[in-house]
Structure formats: C-alpha cells, structure tokens
C-alpha cells in the first residue's frame, strides 16, 4: 500500500502545468477559466495620521473585476517573492480607495486575507484567497512595499 501511495504522489508531482501563463512577470493575473486578467498596478500613497498610517489609491474602483468570491491568481515571480504577497480589503472614501493601519493593533484592525501559494514550476505560482471575499475593492501588495495590484470582487 505504501508503494502505491508513493507512486501516485510521484506521478502527481511530475505532471507539468499546461494552463495559461502570465505575459508579464511580477504582476498577479486573475485566472478566469483559461483566460488571464491583469490586475491594476499602482503605487499607493502613504499618508501619516495621528494614530496610524493610511495607504491611498486613486479612483473608486479597479478596472480588473472578478465575480469569484475566492479568486485565483497566476503569478510569475522574478523580483517579488510570492510568499511576500498580502491581500487586503480596501475601503472607498472621498473618491478614492484606502486602507488605514493603526499604530496599535486593535481587535477590529484590518488584517490581511489568508492566501494559499502553490508552486507550479519554473517561477510560476498559483495564489488563492483562502477566505471568501465580500463584494468590494481589494489589493495584493508585497509586504513592506507600496506597490499594489488592485481588483474588484462583484
């Protein structure tokens, strides 16, 4: 029985990914069946406030949209390690998207959405939200960076 399990595991590991590949490295692409949709790339503006920091994005909505409550991304890593990616829900206020991170973490402070990262081979990764996302605006961002890749769940 152990030998059969090892053979099945070896066969599953040896299969190569045959689906679509992102046309650009270091940009997450939403996977919709066999089509890829590029997320909106931008640099968030950092604004210091008395009790924390706000990160701001222009516009009220991303152009990249998905109906999937648990979106899947394909990500080809060259400079950005996929393990550094974090997914945040954004609030829409005053004609822009933002997230406010207080200096002292509270019970109701924003927290990143849990992600699952699977290596598909050759620098290609599948990044999945491990939680159901409500309709709204979201951004993937490398930890410690103001670079954001935004999208909307509708």
Protein backbone atom coordinates (compact mmCIF):
# COMPACT_ATOMS: atom_id res chain seq x y z
CA UNK A 1 0.00 0.00 0.00
CA UNK A 2 2.86 2.38 0.85
CA UNK A 3 4.46 1.77 -2.56
CA UNK A 4 1.20 2.57 -4.37
CA UNK A 5 0.84 5.83 -2.41
CA UNK A 6 4.41 6.82 -3.23
CA UNK A 7 3.90 6.06 -6.94
CA UNK A 8 0.68 8.13 -7.07
CA UNK A 9 2.36 11.02 -5.23
CA UNK A 10 5.36 10.86 -7.57
CA UNK A 11 3.13 10.86 -10.65
CA UNK A 12 1.10 13.84 -9.39
CA UNK A 13 4.31 15.77 -8.65
CA UNK A 14 5.82 15.03 -12.07
CA UNK A 15 2.88 16.45 -14.05
CA UNK A 16 3.68 19.82 -15.56
CA UNK A 17 1.35 22.81 -15.55
CA UNK A 18 -0.21 23.16 -19.01
CA UNK A 19 -2.56 26.13 -18.50
CA UNK A 20 -2.17 29.81 -19.45
CA UNK A 21 0.97 31.68 -18.38
CA UNK A 22 1.12 35.36 -17.35
CA UNK A 23 2.55 37.56 -20.13
CA UNK A 24 4.39 39.74 -17.55
CA UNK A 25 6.49 38.73 -14.56
CA UNK A 26 5.84 40.08 -11.05
CA UNK A 27 2.22 41.01 -11.81
CA UNK A 28 -0.65 38.89 -10.46
CA UNK A 29 -3.22 37.88 -13.09
CA UNK A 30 -6.74 36.79 -12.17
CA UNK A 31 -7.49 33.33 -13.55
CA UNK A 32 -10.93 33.06 -15.20
CA UNK A 33 -11.23 29.53 -16.63
CA UNK A 34 -8.49 29.60 -19.31
CA UNK A 35 -8.22 33.40 -19.55
CA UNK A 36 -5.97 35.72 -17.56
CA UNK A 37 -6.98 39.22 -16.46
CA UNK A 38 -4.22 41.60 -15.38
CA UNK A 39 -4.70 43.30 -12.01
CA UNK A 40 -4.32 47.11 -11.85
CA UNK A 41 -0.73 48.05 -10.95
CA UNK A 42 -0.14 51.24 -8.97
CA UNK A 43 1.91 52.79 -6.20
CA UNK A 44 -0.10 53.55 -3.04
CA UNK A 45 0.40 56.97 -1.47
CA UNK A 46 1.28 56.79 2.20
CA UNK A 47 -0.39 59.34 4.48
CA UNK A 48 0.58 59.63 8.15
CA UNK A 49 -2.26 60.32 10.54
CA UNK A 50 -2.22 60.93 14.28
CA UNK A 51 -2.88 57.30 15.23
CA UNK A 52 -1.61 55.36 12.22
CA UNK A 53 -0.95 55.29 8.50
CA UNK A 54 -3.34 55.32 5.56
CA UNK A 55 -2.44 53.89 2.16
CA UNK A 56 -4.37 55.57 -0.67
CA UNK A 57 -5.20 54.61 -4.26
CA UNK A 58 -6.87 56.96 -6.72
CA UNK A 59 -10.30 56.15 -8.12
CA UNK A 60 -13.28 54.41 -6.57
CA UNK A 61 -12.93 51.10 -8.43
CA UNK A 62 -10.34 48.90 -10.06
CA UNK A 63 -10.74 48.08 -13.74
CA UNK A 64 -9.83 44.42 -13.07
CA UNK A 65 -13.02 42.71 -11.89
CA UNK A 66 -13.93 39.19 -10.91
CA UNK A 67 -17.20 37.54 -9.87
CA UNK A 68 -15.24 34.91 -7.90
CA UNK A 69 -15.53 35.19 -4.11
CA UNK A 70 -12.33 33.12 -3.75
CA UNK A 71 -10.19 34.45 -6.62
CA UNK A 72 -7.24 32.58 -8.06
CA UNK A 73 -4.16 34.39 -9.39
CA UNK A 74 -1.29 33.22 -11.54
CA UNK A 75 1.96 34.93 -10.65
CA UNK A 76 5.33 34.57 -12.35
CA UNK A 77 7.97 35.55 -9.84
CA UNK A 78 11.23 37.23 -10.87
CA UNK A 79 11.81 40.03 -8.36
CA UNK A 80 8.83 39.68 -5.99
CA UNK A 81 8.79 36.52 -3.85
CA UNK A 82 5.21 35.16 -3.84
CA UNK A 83 5.44 34.48 -0.09
CA UNK A 84 5.65 38.26 0.45
CA UNK A 85 2.24 38.91 -1.16
CA UNK A 86 -0.55 40.03 1.15
CA UNK A 87 -4.21 40.56 0.26
CA UNK A 88 -6.08 43.48 1.85
CA UNK A 89 -9.67 44.74 1.60
CA UNK A 90 -9.86 48.43 0.72
CA UNK A 91 -12.46 50.99 1.81
CA UNK A 92 -13.86 53.53 -0.65
CA UNK A 93 -13.86 57.03 0.89
CA UNK A 94 -13.79 60.52 -0.61
CA UNK A 95 -13.48 59.27 -4.19
CA UNK A 96 -10.51 57.00 -3.55
CA UNK A 97 -9.64 53.57 -2.18
CA UNK A 98 -7.77 53.30 1.08
CA UNK A 99 -6.75 51.15 3.99
CA UNK A 100 -5.92 52.55 7.42
CA UNK A 101 -3.46 50.67 9.62
CA UNK A 102 -3.40 51.94 13.22
CA UNK A 103 -0.12 52.14 15.12
CA UNK A 104 -1.54 49.98 17.90
CA UNK A 105 -3.29 46.89 16.59
CA UNK A 106 -6.84 46.59 17.91
CA UNK A 107 -9.35 43.77 17.77
CA UNK A 108 -11.13 45.41 14.81
CA UNK A 109 -7.94 46.45 12.96
CA UNK A 110 -7.66 45.35 9.31
CA UNK A 111 -5.84 42.08 8.79
CA UNK A 112 -4.61 40.54 5.55
CA UNK A 113 -6.69 37.78 3.97
CA UNK A 114 -5.11 34.34 4.22
CA UNK A 115 -3.51 33.16 0.98
CA UNK A 116 -2.52 29.74 -0.31
CA UNK A 117 0.53 29.66 -2.59
CA UNK A 118 1.30 26.67 -4.81
CA UNK A 119 4.41 26.40 -6.97
CA UNK A 120 3.53 25.26 -10.49
CA UNK A 121 7.13 25.18 -11.72
CA UNK A 122 9.63 27.47 -13.41
CA UNK A 123 8.88 30.53 -11.25
CA UNK A 124 5.11 30.21 -11.81
CA UNK A 125 2.82 30.22 -8.78
CA UNK A 126 -0.90 29.84 -8.12
CA UNK A 127 -2.04 32.27 -5.41
CA UNK A 128 -5.51 31.72 -3.94
CA UNK A 129 -7.60 33.53 -1.37
CA UNK A 130 -8.25 31.06 1.47
CA UNK A 131 -11.27 33.01 2.63
CA UNK A 132 -14.49 34.03 0.93
CA UNK A 133 -14.26 37.69 -0.11
CA UNK A 134 -17.22 40.04 0.14
CA UNK A 135 -18.03 42.25 -2.84
CA UNK A 136 -15.66 45.22 -2.84
CA UNK A 137 -12.21 46.53 -3.62
CA UNK A 138 -9.04 44.57 -2.83
CA UNK A 139 -5.29 44.85 -3.33
CA UNK A 140 -2.41 42.40 -3.37
CA UNK A 141 0.81 44.00 -2.18
CA UNK A 142 4.28 42.74 -1.36
CA UNK A 143 4.89 43.10 2.38
CA UNK A 144 6.91 46.26 3.10
CA UNK A 145 6.14 47.84 -0.29
CA UNK A 146 3.70 50.48 -1.53
CA UNK A 147 3.34 48.67 -4.85
CA UNK A 148 -0.24 47.40 -5.18
CA UNK A 149 -2.16 45.20 -7.60
CA UNK A 150 -5.84 46.02 -7.22
CA UNK A 151 -9.02 44.30 -8.34
CA UNK A 152 -12.71 44.27 -7.56
CA UNK A 153 -14.96 41.40 -6.49
CA UNK A 154 -18.55 41.94 -7.65
